[in-house]
Amino acid sequence: MHEIVNAEYVGDYKIKLFFDSGKSGIVDFSAYRNRGGVFELFKSEEYFKKFYIDHEIKTLCWPDEIDFDPDMLYYKATGEPLPEWMKS
C-alpha cells in the first residue's frame, strides 16, 4: 500500500502528491466536478482546496468524508502501470 505523506495544491484542481516511497506526481481532479453525488461539492474550488492528509488512513481527504484510495492516487500521480489486481 502506498501512503501519502504530503500534498500541495498547484492550481486548476491539480494536487501534487508526495508518497512514502519518495515518489511524487500531480493528479488532476477537474473531471470530478461533473460527477455529481458527493463530488458535487468539488464545483466550489474553495471547498476543493480544503483537502488534507488523514494520517490514520494515509490518504487524501476532504470534509464530509470524501477520500480516495491511496494506491489509485499513486498510479495516477506516478504514471506507473496498474498492478493486475487493480485492473478489474
PDB file of N, CA and C in Angstrom:
ATOM      1  N   MET A   1       0.844  -1.184   0.000  1.00  0.00           N
ATOM      2  CA  MET A   1       0.000   0.000   0.000  1.00  0.00           C
ATOM      3  C   MET A   1       0.885   1.241   0.000  1.00  0.00           C
ATOM      4  N   HIS A   2       0.503   2.211  -0.788  1.00  0.00           N
ATOM      5  CA  HIS A   2       1.241   3.466  -0.889  1.00  0.00           C
ATOM      6  C   HIS A   2       0.604   4.501   0.034  1.00  0.00           C
ATOM      7  N   GLU A   3       1.443   5.169   0.793  1.00  0.00           N
ATOM      8  CA  GLU A   3       0.937   6.155   1.742  1.00  0.00           C
ATOM      9  C   GLU A   3       1.280   7.566   1.283  1.00  0.00           C
ATOM     10  N   ILE A   4       0.304   8.456   1.361  1.00  0.00           N
ATOM     11  CA  ILE A   4       0.527   9.857   1.023  1.00  0.00           C
ATOM     12  C   ILE A   4       1.040  10.559   2.275  1.00  0.00           C
ATOM     13  N   VAL A   5       2.168  11.247   2.128  1.00  0.00           N
ATOM     14  CA  VAL A   5       2.753  11.923   3.285  1.00  0.00           C
ATOM     15  C   VAL A   5       2.614  13.443   3.214  1.00  0.00           C
ATOM     16  N   ASN A   6       2.352  13.964   2.014  1.00  0.00           N
ATOM     17  CA  ASN A   6       2.165  15.405   1.868  1.00  0.00           C
ATOM     18  C   ASN A   6       1.413  15.677   0.570  1.00  0.00           C
ATOM     19  N   ALA A   7       0.784  16.850   0.504  1.00  0.00           N
ATOM     20  CA  ALA A   7       0.045  17.243  -0.697  1.00  0.00           C
ATOM     21  C   ALA A   7       0.061  18.758  -0.802  1.00  0.00           C
ATOM     22  N   GLU A   8       0.192  19.244  -2.043  1.00  0.00           N
ATOM     23  CA  GLU A   8       0.210  20.690  -2.295  1.00  0.00           C
ATOM     24  C   GLU A   8      -0.713  21.015  -3.456  1.00  0.00           C
ATOM     25  N   TYR A   9      -1.559  21.997  -3.272  1.00  0.00           N
ATOM     26  CA  TYR A   9      -2.422  22.459  -4.365  1.00  0.00           C
ATOM     27  C   TYR A   9      -1.564  23.238  -5.355  1.00  0.00           C
ATOM     28  N   VAL A  10      -1.648  22.874  -6.633  1.00  0.00           N
ATOM     29  CA  VAL A  10      -0.837  23.563  -7.645  1.00  0.00           C
ATOM     30  C   VAL A  10      -1.686  24.399  -8.599  1.00  0.00           C
ATOM     31  N   GLY A  11      -3.018  24.378  -8.397  1.00  0.00           N
ATOM     32  CA  GLY A  11      -3.916  25.198  -9.204  1.00  0.00           C
ATOM     33  C   GLY A  11      -4.755  24.386 -10.161  1.00  0.00           C
ATOM     34  N   ASP A  12      -5.886  24.952 -10.551  1.00  0.00           N
ATOM     35  CA  ASP A  12      -6.774  24.363 -11.545  1.00  0.00           C
ATOM     36  C   ASP A  12      -7.158  22.912 -11.224  1.00  0.00           C
ATOM     37  N   TYR A  13      -7.511  22.655  -9.961  1.00  0.00           N
ATOM     38  CA  TYR A  13      -7.943  21.342  -9.493  1.00  0.00           C
ATOM     39  C   TYR A  13      -6.855  20.274  -9.592  1.00  0.00           C
ATOM     40  N   LYS A  14      -5.619  20.679  -9.511  1.00  0.00           N
ATOM     41  CA  LYS A  14      -4.494  19.738  -9.532  1.00  0.00           C
ATOM     42  C   LYS A  14      -3.777  19.787  -8.190  1.00  0.00           C
ATOM     43  N   ILE A  15      -3.423  18.586  -7.705  1.00  0.00           N
ATOM     44  CA  ILE A  15      -2.727  18.458  -6.432  1.00  0.00           C
ATOM     45  C   ILE A  15      -1.468  17.625  -6.649  1.00  0.00           C
ATOM     46  N   LYS A  16      -0.353  18.136  -6.150  1.00  0.00           N
ATOM     47  CA  LYS A  16       0.884  17.364  -6.179  1.00  0.00           C
ATOM     48  C   LYS A  16       0.933  16.522  -4.920  1.00  0.00           C
ATOM     49  N   LEU A  17       1.092  15.213  -5.115  1.00  0.00           N
ATOM     50  CA  LEU A  17       1.102  14.266  -4.010  1.00  0.00           C
ATOM     51  C   LEU A  17       2.507  13.727  -3.795  1.00  0.00           C
ATOM     52  N   PHE A  18       2.866  13.568  -2.543  1.00  0.00           N
ATOM     53  CA  PHE A  18       4.160  13.029  -2.148  1.00  0.00           C
ATOM     54  C   PHE A  18       3.918  11.738  -1.373  1.00  0.00           C
ATOM     55  N   PHE A  19       4.605  10.671  -1.766  1.00  0.00           N
ATOM     56  CA  PHE A  19       4.380   9.348  -1.196  1.00  0.00           C
ATOM     57  C   PHE A  19       5.548   8.902  -0.325  1.00  0.00           C
ATOM     58  N   ASP A  20       5.274   7.949   0.544  1.00  0.00           N
ATOM     59  CA  ASP A  20       6.301   7.444   1.453  1.00  0.00           C
ATOM     60  C   ASP A  20       7.463   6.779   0.719  1.00  0.00           C
ATOM     61  N   SER A  21       7.261   6.422  -0.524  1.00  0.00           N
ATOM     62  CA  SER A  21       8.324   5.803  -1.326  1.00  0.00           C
ATOM     63  C   SER A  21       9.341   6.830  -1.823  1.00  0.00           C
ATOM     64  N   GLY A  22       9.023   8.125  -1.632  1.00  0.00           N
ATOM     65  CA  GLY A  22       9.876   9.184  -2.153  1.00  0.00           C
ATOM     66  C   GLY A  22       9.413   9.691  -3.505  1.00  0.00           C
ATOM     67  N   LYS A  23       8.476   8.997  -4.129  1.00  0.00           N
ATOM     68  CA  LYS A  23       7.956   9.427  -5.429  1.00  0.00           C
ATOM     69  C   LYS A  23       6.882  10.484  -5.219  1.00  0.00           C
ATOM     70  N   SER A  24       6.671  11.281  -6.269  1.00  0.00           N
ATOM     71  CA  SER A  24       5.634  12.307  -6.235  1.00  0.00           C
ATOM     72  C   SER A  24       5.102  12.505  -7.641  1.00  0.00           C
ATOM     73  N   GLY A  25       3.979  13.189  -7.721  1.00  0.00           N
ATOM     74  CA  GLY A  25       3.384  13.491  -9.013  1.00  0.00           C
ATOM     75  C   GLY A  25       2.108  14.279  -8.827  1.00  0.00           C
ATOM     76  N   ILE A  26       1.605  14.788  -9.942  1.00  0.00           N
ATOM     77  CA  ILE A  26       0.417  15.637  -9.927  1.00  0.00           C
ATOM     78  C   ILE A  26      -0.793  14.850 -10.422  1.00  0.00           C
ATOM     79  N   VAL A  27      -1.902  14.976  -9.685  1.00  0.00           N
ATOM     80  CA  VAL A  27      -3.168  14.358 -10.083  1.00  0.00           C
ATOM     81  C   VAL A  27      -4.158  15.478 -10.388  1.00  0.00           C
ATOM     82  N   ASP A  28      -4.803  15.362 -11.542  1.00  0.00           N
ATOM     83  CA  ASP A  28      -5.813  16.325 -11.979  1.00  0.00           C
ATOM     84  C   ASP A  28      -7.188  15.805 -11.564  1.00  0.00           C
ATOM     85  N   PHE A  29      -7.850  16.526 -10.682  1.00  0.00           N
ATOM     86  CA  PHE A  29      -9.166  16.134 -10.177  1.00  0.00           C
ATOM     87  C   PHE A  29     -10.305  16.884 -10.874  1.00  0.00           C
ATOM     88  N   SER A  30     -10.021  17.638 -11.918  1.00  0.00           N
ATOM     89  CA  SER A  30     -11.039  18.501 -12.527  1.00  0.00           C
ATOM     90  C   SER A  30     -12.250  17.727 -13.049  1.00  0.00           C
ATOM     91  N   ALA A  31     -12.070  16.513 -13.511  1.00  0.00           N
ATOM     92  CA  ALA A  31     -13.198  15.732 -14.038  1.00  0.00           C
ATOM     93  C   ALA A  31     -14.218  15.395 -12.955  1.00  0.00           C
ATOM     94  N   TYR A  32     -13.805  15.372 -11.701  1.00  0.00           N
ATOM     95  CA  TYR A  32     -14.729  15.031 -10.612  1.00  0.00           C
ATOM     96  C   TYR A  32     -15.776  16.118 -10.376  1.00  0.00           C
ATOM     97  N   ARG A  33     -15.534  17.330 -10.867  1.00  0.00           N
ATOM     98  CA  ARG A  33     -16.517  18.411 -10.691  1.00  0.00           C
ATOM     99  C   ARG A  33     -17.845  18.083 -11.354  1.00  0.00           C
ATOM    100  N   ASN A  34     -17.830  17.234 -12.371  1.00  0.00           N
ATOM    101  CA  ASN A  34     -19.033  16.912 -13.133  1.00  0.00           C
ATOM    102  C   ASN A  34     -19.618  15.547 -12.800  1.00  0.00           C
ATOM    103  N   ARG A  35     -19.131  14.903 -11.758  1.00  0.00           N
ATOM    104  CA  ARG A  35     -19.576  13.546 -11.440  1.00  0.00           C
ATOM    105  C   ARG A  35     -20.836  13.487 -10.600  1.00  0.00           C
ATOM    106  N   GLY A  36     -21.204  14.557  -9.936  1.00  0.00           N
ATOM    107  CA  GLY A  36     -22.397  14.534  -9.095  1.00  0.00           C
ATOM    108  C   GLY A  36     -22.165  13.813  -7.789  1.00  0.00           C
ATOM    109  N   GLY A  37     -23.236  13.555  -7.067  1.00  0.00           N
ATOM    110  CA  GLY A  37     -23.136  12.891  -5.772  1.00  0.00           C
ATOM    111  C   GLY A  37     -22.276  13.697  -4.812  1.00  0.00           C
ATOM    112  N   VAL A  38     -21.437  13.020  -4.047  1.00  0.00           N
ATOM    113  CA  VAL A  38     -20.583  13.722  -3.091  1.00  0.00           C
ATOM    114  C   VAL A  38     -19.596  14.661  -3.793  1.00  0.00           C
ATOM    115  N   PHE A  39     -19.278  14.353  -5.045  1.00  0.00           N
ATOM    116  CA  PHE A  39     -18.324  15.190  -5.775  1.00  0.00           C
ATOM    117  C   PHE A  39     -18.937  16.505  -6.258  1.00  0.00           C
ATOM    118  N   GLU A  40     -20.233  16.662  -6.089  1.00  0.00           N
ATOM    119  CA  GLU A  40     -20.901  17.934  -6.395  1.00  0.00           C
ATOM    120  C   GLU A  40     -20.210  19.076  -5.634  1.00  0.00           C
ATOM    121  N   LEU A  41     -19.706  18.763  -4.457  1.00  0.00           N
ATOM    122  CA  LEU A  41     -19.017  19.759  -3.635  1.00  0.00           C
ATOM    123  C   LEU A  41     -17.751  20.291  -4.313  1.00  0.00           C
ATOM    124  N   PHE A  42     -17.163  19.502  -5.209  1.00  0.00           N
ATOM    125  CA  PHE A  42     -15.935  19.916  -5.894  1.00  0.00           C
ATOM    126  C   PHE A  42     -16.179  21.057  -6.889  1.00  0.00           C
ATOM    127  N   LYS A  43     -17.432  21.374  -7.175  1.00  0.00           N
ATOM    128  CA  LYS A  43     -17.699  22.514  -8.064  1.00  0.00           C
ATOM    129  C   LYS A  43     -17.206  23.812  -7.452  1.00  0.00           C
ATOM    130  N   SER A  44     -17.103  23.846  -6.140  1.00  0.00           N
ATOM    131  CA  SER A  44     -16.553  25.004  -5.442  1.00  0.00           C
ATOM    132  C   SER A  44     -15.048  24.788  -5.266  1.00  0.00           C
ATOM    133  N   GLU A  45     -14.263  25.621  -5.907  1.00  0.00           N
ATOM    134  CA  GLU A  45     -12.812  25.489  -5.779  1.00  0.00           C
ATOM    135  C   GLU A  45     -12.370  25.741  -4.342  1.00  0.00           C
ATOM    136  N   GLU A  46     -13.081  26.621  -3.646  1.00  0.00           N
ATOM    137  CA  GLU A  46     -12.747  26.875  -2.245  1.00  0.00           C
ATOM    138  C   GLU A  46     -12.929  25.609  -1.407  1.00  0.00           C
ATOM    139  N   TYR A  47     -14.009  24.874  -1.658  1.00  0.00           N
ATOM    140  CA  TYR A  47     -14.198  23.601  -0.962  1.00  0.00           C
ATOM    141  C   TYR A  47     -13.082  22.631  -1.349  1.00  0.00           C
ATOM    142  N   PHE A  48     -12.802  22.529  -2.631  1.00  0.00           N
ATOM    143  CA  PHE A  48     -11.784  21.590  -3.107  1.00  0.00           C
ATOM    144  C   PHE A  48     -10.444  21.815  -2.412  1.00  0.00           C
ATOM    145  N   LYS A  49     -10.106  23.071  -2.179  1.00  0.00           N
ATOM    146  CA  LYS A  49      -8.827  23.406  -1.550  1.00  0.00           C
ATOM    147  C   LYS A  49      -8.761  23.011  -0.073  1.00  0.00           C
ATOM    148  N   LYS A  50      -9.865  22.532   0.490  1.00  0.00           N
ATOM    149  CA  LYS A  50      -9.888  22.142   1.904  1.00  0.00           C
ATOM    150  C   LYS A  50      -9.393  20.712   2.136  1.00  0.00           C
ATOM    151  N   PHE A  51      -8.711  20.141   1.136  1.00  0.00           N
ATOM    152  CA  PHE A  51      -8.201  18.777   1.291  1.00  0.00           C
ATOM    153  C   PHE A  51      -7.170  18.717   2.425  1.00  0.00           C
ATOM    154  N   TYR A  52      -6.982  17.523   2.920  1.00  0.00           N
ATOM    155  CA  TYR A  52      -5.981  17.289   3.970  1.00  0.00           C
ATOM    156  C   TYR A  52      -5.536  15.834   3.890  1.00  0.00           C
ATOM    157  N   ILE A  53      -4.441  15.527   4.543  1.00  0.00           N
ATOM    158  CA  ILE A  53      -3.973  14.152   4.638  1.00  0.00           C
ATOM    159  C   ILE A  53      -4.482  13.584   5.959  1.00  0.00           C
ATOM    160  N   ASP A  54      -5.237  12.513   5.873  1.00  0.00           N
ATOM    161  CA  ASP A  54      -5.655  11.803   7.074  1.00  0.00           C
ATOM    162  C   ASP A  54      -4.518  10.830   7.397  1.00  0.00           C
ATOM    163  N   HIS A  55      -3.795  11.104   8.454  1.00  0.00           N
ATOM    164  CA  HIS A  55      -2.616  10.303   8.774  1.00  0.00           C
ATOM    165  C   HIS A  55      -2.973   8.929   9.340  1.00  0.00           C
ATOM    166  N   GLU A  56      -4.216   8.745   9.714  1.00  0.00           N
ATOM    167  CA  GLU A  56      -4.641   7.419  10.171  1.00  0.00           C
ATOM    168  C   GLU A  56      -4.839   6.475   8.995  1.00  0.00           C
ATOM    169  N   ILE A  57      -5.539   6.946   7.953  1.00  0.00           N
ATOM    170  CA  ILE A  57      -5.763   6.091   6.775  1.00  0.00           C
ATOM    171  C   ILE A  57      -4.775   6.407   5.653  1.00  0.00           C
ATOM    172  N   LYS A  58      -3.941   7.416   5.852  1.00  0.00           N
ATOM    173  CA  LYS A  58      -2.825   7.763   4.978  1.00  0.00           C
ATOM    174  C   LYS A  58      -3.234   8.046   3.539  1.00  0.00           C
ATOM    175  N   THR A  59      -4.270   8.870   3.419  1.00  0.00           N
ATOM    176  CA  THR A  59      -4.702   9.258   2.077  1.00  0.00           C
ATOM    177  C   THR A  59      -5.251  10.670   2.080  1.00  0.00           C
ATOM    178  N   LEU A  60      -5.568  11.143   0.898  1.00  0.00           N
ATOM    179  CA  LEU A  60      -6.097  12.477   0.673  1.00  0.00           C
ATOM    180  C   LEU A  60      -7.590  12.487   0.984  1.00  0.00           C
ATOM    181  N   CYS A  61      -8.021  13.457   1.786  1.00  0.00           N
ATOM    182  CA  CYS A  61      -9.421  13.528   2.216  1.00  0.00           C
ATOM    183  C   CYS A  61      -9.933  14.963   2.129  1.00  0.00           C
ATOM    184  N   TRP A  62     -11.255  15.068   2.180  1.00  0.00           N
ATOM    185  CA  TRP A  62     -11.957  16.344   2.270  1.00  0.00           C
ATOM    186  C   TRP A  62     -12.987  16.238   3.380  1.00  0.00           C
ATOM    187  N   PRO A  63     -13.470  17.376   3.863  1.00  0.00           N
ATOM    188  CA  PRO A  63     -14.587  17.314   4.810  1.00  0.00           C
ATOM    189  C   PRO A  63     -15.755  16.531   4.191  1.00  0.00           C
ATOM    190  N   ASP A  64     -16.663  16.083   4.980  1.00  0.00           N
ATOM    191  CA  ASP A  64     -17.824  15.307   4.545  1.00  0.00           C
ATOM    192  C   ASP A  64     -17.449  13.889   4.132  1.00  0.00           C
ATOM    193  N   GLU A  65     -16.303  13.399   4.671  1.00  0.00           N
ATOM    194  CA  GLU A  65     -15.872  12.016   4.487  1.00  0.00           C
ATOM    195  C   GLU A  65     -15.602  11.631   3.032  1.00  0.00           C
ATOM    196  N   ILE A  66     -15.076  12.556   2.255  1.00  0.00           N
ATOM    197  CA  ILE A  66     -14.661  12.248   0.892  1.00  0.00           C
ATOM    198  C   ILE A  66     -13.187  11.875   0.937  1.00  0.00           C
ATOM    199  N   ASP A  67     -12.852  10.725   0.342  1.00  0.00           N
ATOM    200  CA  ASP A  67     -11.451  10.331   0.252  1.00  0.00           C
ATOM    201  C   ASP A  67     -11.234   9.481  -0.996  1.00  0.00           C
ATOM    202  N   PHE A  68      -9.986   9.273  -1.323  1.00  0.00           N
ATOM    203  CA  PHE A  68      -9.606   8.479  -2.483  1.00  0.00           C
ATOM    204  C   PHE A  68      -8.654   7.378  -2.051  1.00  0.00           C
ATOM    205  N   ASP A  69      -8.706   6.262  -2.739  1.00  0.00           N
ATOM    206  CA  ASP A  69      -7.801   5.162  -2.476  1.00  0.00           C
ATOM    207  C   ASP A  69      -6.361   5.622  -2.737  1.00  0.00           C
ATOM    208  N   PRO A  70      -5.463   5.495  -1.762  1.00  0.00           N
ATOM    209  CA  PRO A  70      -4.101   5.980  -1.950  1.00  0.00           C
ATOM    210  C   PRO A  70      -3.344   5.244  -3.052  1.00  0.00           C
ATOM    211  N   ASP A  71      -3.648   3.969  -3.268  1.00  0.00           N
ATOM    212  CA  ASP A  71      -2.971   3.245  -4.345  1.00  0.00           C
ATOM    213  C   ASP A  71      -3.384   3.780  -5.709  1.00  0.00           C
ATOM    214  N   MET A  72      -4.675   4.047  -5.886  1.00  0.00           N
ATOM    215  CA  MET A  72      -5.143   4.613  -7.150  1.00  0.00           C
ATOM    216  C   MET A  72      -4.478   5.967  -7.395  1.00  0.00           C
ATOM    217  N   LEU A  73      -4.381   6.783  -6.344  1.00  0.00           N
ATOM    218  CA  LEU A  73      -3.731   8.089  -6.491  1.00  0.00           C
ATOM    219  C   LEU A  73      -2.255   7.942  -6.830  1.00  0.00           C
ATOM    220  N   TYR A  74      -1.607   6.941  -6.261  1.00  0.00           N
ATOM    221  CA  TYR A  74      -0.193   6.696  -6.548  1.00  0.00           C
ATOM    222  C   TYR A  74       0.011   6.433  -8.041  1.00  0.00           C
ATOM    223  N   TYR A  75      -0.807   5.561  -8.604  1.00  0.00           N
ATOM    224  CA  TYR A  75      -0.643   5.217 -10.019  1.00  0.00           C
ATOM    225  C   TYR A  75      -1.025   6.377 -10.923  1.00  0.00           C
ATOM    226  N   LYS A  76      -2.012   7.167 -10.545  1.00  0.00           N
ATOM    227  CA  LYS A  76      -2.359   8.360 -11.330  1.00  0.00           C
ATOM    228  C   LYS A  76      -1.236   9.399 -11.257  1.00  0.00           C
ATOM    229  N   ALA A  77      -0.637   9.557 -10.096  1.00  0.00           N
ATOM    230  CA  ALA A  77       0.401  10.568  -9.911  1.00  0.00           C
ATOM    231  C   ALA A  77       1.722  10.178 -10.564  1.00  0.00           C
ATOM    232  N   THR A  78       2.085   8.917 -10.470  1.00  0.00           N
ATOM    233  CA  THR A  78       3.398   8.495 -10.959  1.00  0.00           C
ATOM    234  C   THR A  78       3.380   7.998 -12.393  1.00  0.00           C
ATOM    235  N   GLY A  79       2.201   7.633 -12.892  1.00  0.00           N
ATOM    236  CA  GLY A  79       2.124   7.104 -14.252  1.00  0.00           C
ATOM    237  C   GLY A  79       2.578   5.664 -14.369  1.00  0.00           C
ATOM    238  N   GLU A  80       2.881   5.040 -13.246  1.00  0.00           N
ATOM    239  CA  GLU A  80       3.268   3.630 -13.279  1.00  0.00           C
ATOM    240  C   GLU A  80       2.054   2.787 -13.670  1.00  0.00           C
ATOM    241  N   PRO A  81       2.274   1.664 -14.338  1.00  0.00           N
ATOM    242  CA  PRO A  81       1.137   0.810 -14.717  1.00  0.00           C
ATOM    243  C   PRO A  81       0.461   0.211 -13.485  1.00  0.00           C
ATOM    244  N   LEU A  82      -0.847   0.063 -13.587  1.00  0.00           N
ATOM    245  CA  LEU A  82      -1.613  -0.545 -12.506  1.00  0.00           C
ATOM    246  C   LEU A  82      -1.234  -2.013 -12.362  1.00  0.00           C
ATOM    247  N   PRO A  83      -1.171  -2.521 -11.137  1.00  0.00           N
ATOM    248  CA  PRO A  83      -0.975  -3.964 -10.979  1.00  0.00           C
ATOM    249  C   PRO A  83      -2.218  -4.699 -11.482  1.00  0.00           C
ATOM    250  N   GLU A  84      -2.063  -5.935 -11.843  1.00  0.00           N
ATOM    251  CA  GLU A  84      -3.165  -6.722 -12.417  1.00  0.00           C
ATOM    252  C   GLU A  84      -4.403  -6.728 -11.529  1.00  0.00           C
ATOM    253  N   TRP A  85      -4.228  -6.827 -10.214  1.00  0.00           N
ATOM    254  CA  TRP A  85      -5.383  -6.933  -9.323  1.00  0.00           C
ATOM    255  C   TRP A  85      -6.215  -5.660  -9.294  1.00  0.00           C
ATOM    256  N   MET A  86      -5.651  -4.523  -9.754  1.00  0.00           N
ATOM    257  CA  MET A  86      -6.400  -3.262  -9.762  1.00  0.00           C
ATOM    258  C   MET A  86      -7.106  -3.003 -11.091  1.00  0.00           C
ATOM    259  N   LYS A  87      -6.836  -3.792 -12.094  1.00  0.00           N
ATOM    260  CA  LYS A  87      -7.379  -3.527 -13.426  1.00  0.00           C
ATOM    261  C   LYS A  87      -8.814  -3.962 -13.601  1.00  0.00           C
ATOM    262  N   SER A  88      -9.328  -4.843 -12.776  1.00  0.00           N
ATOM    263  CA  SER A  88     -10.705  -5.322 -12.980  1.00  0.00           C
ATOM    264  C   SER A  88     -11.730  -4.389 -12.398  1.00  0.00           C
TER     265      SER A  88
END
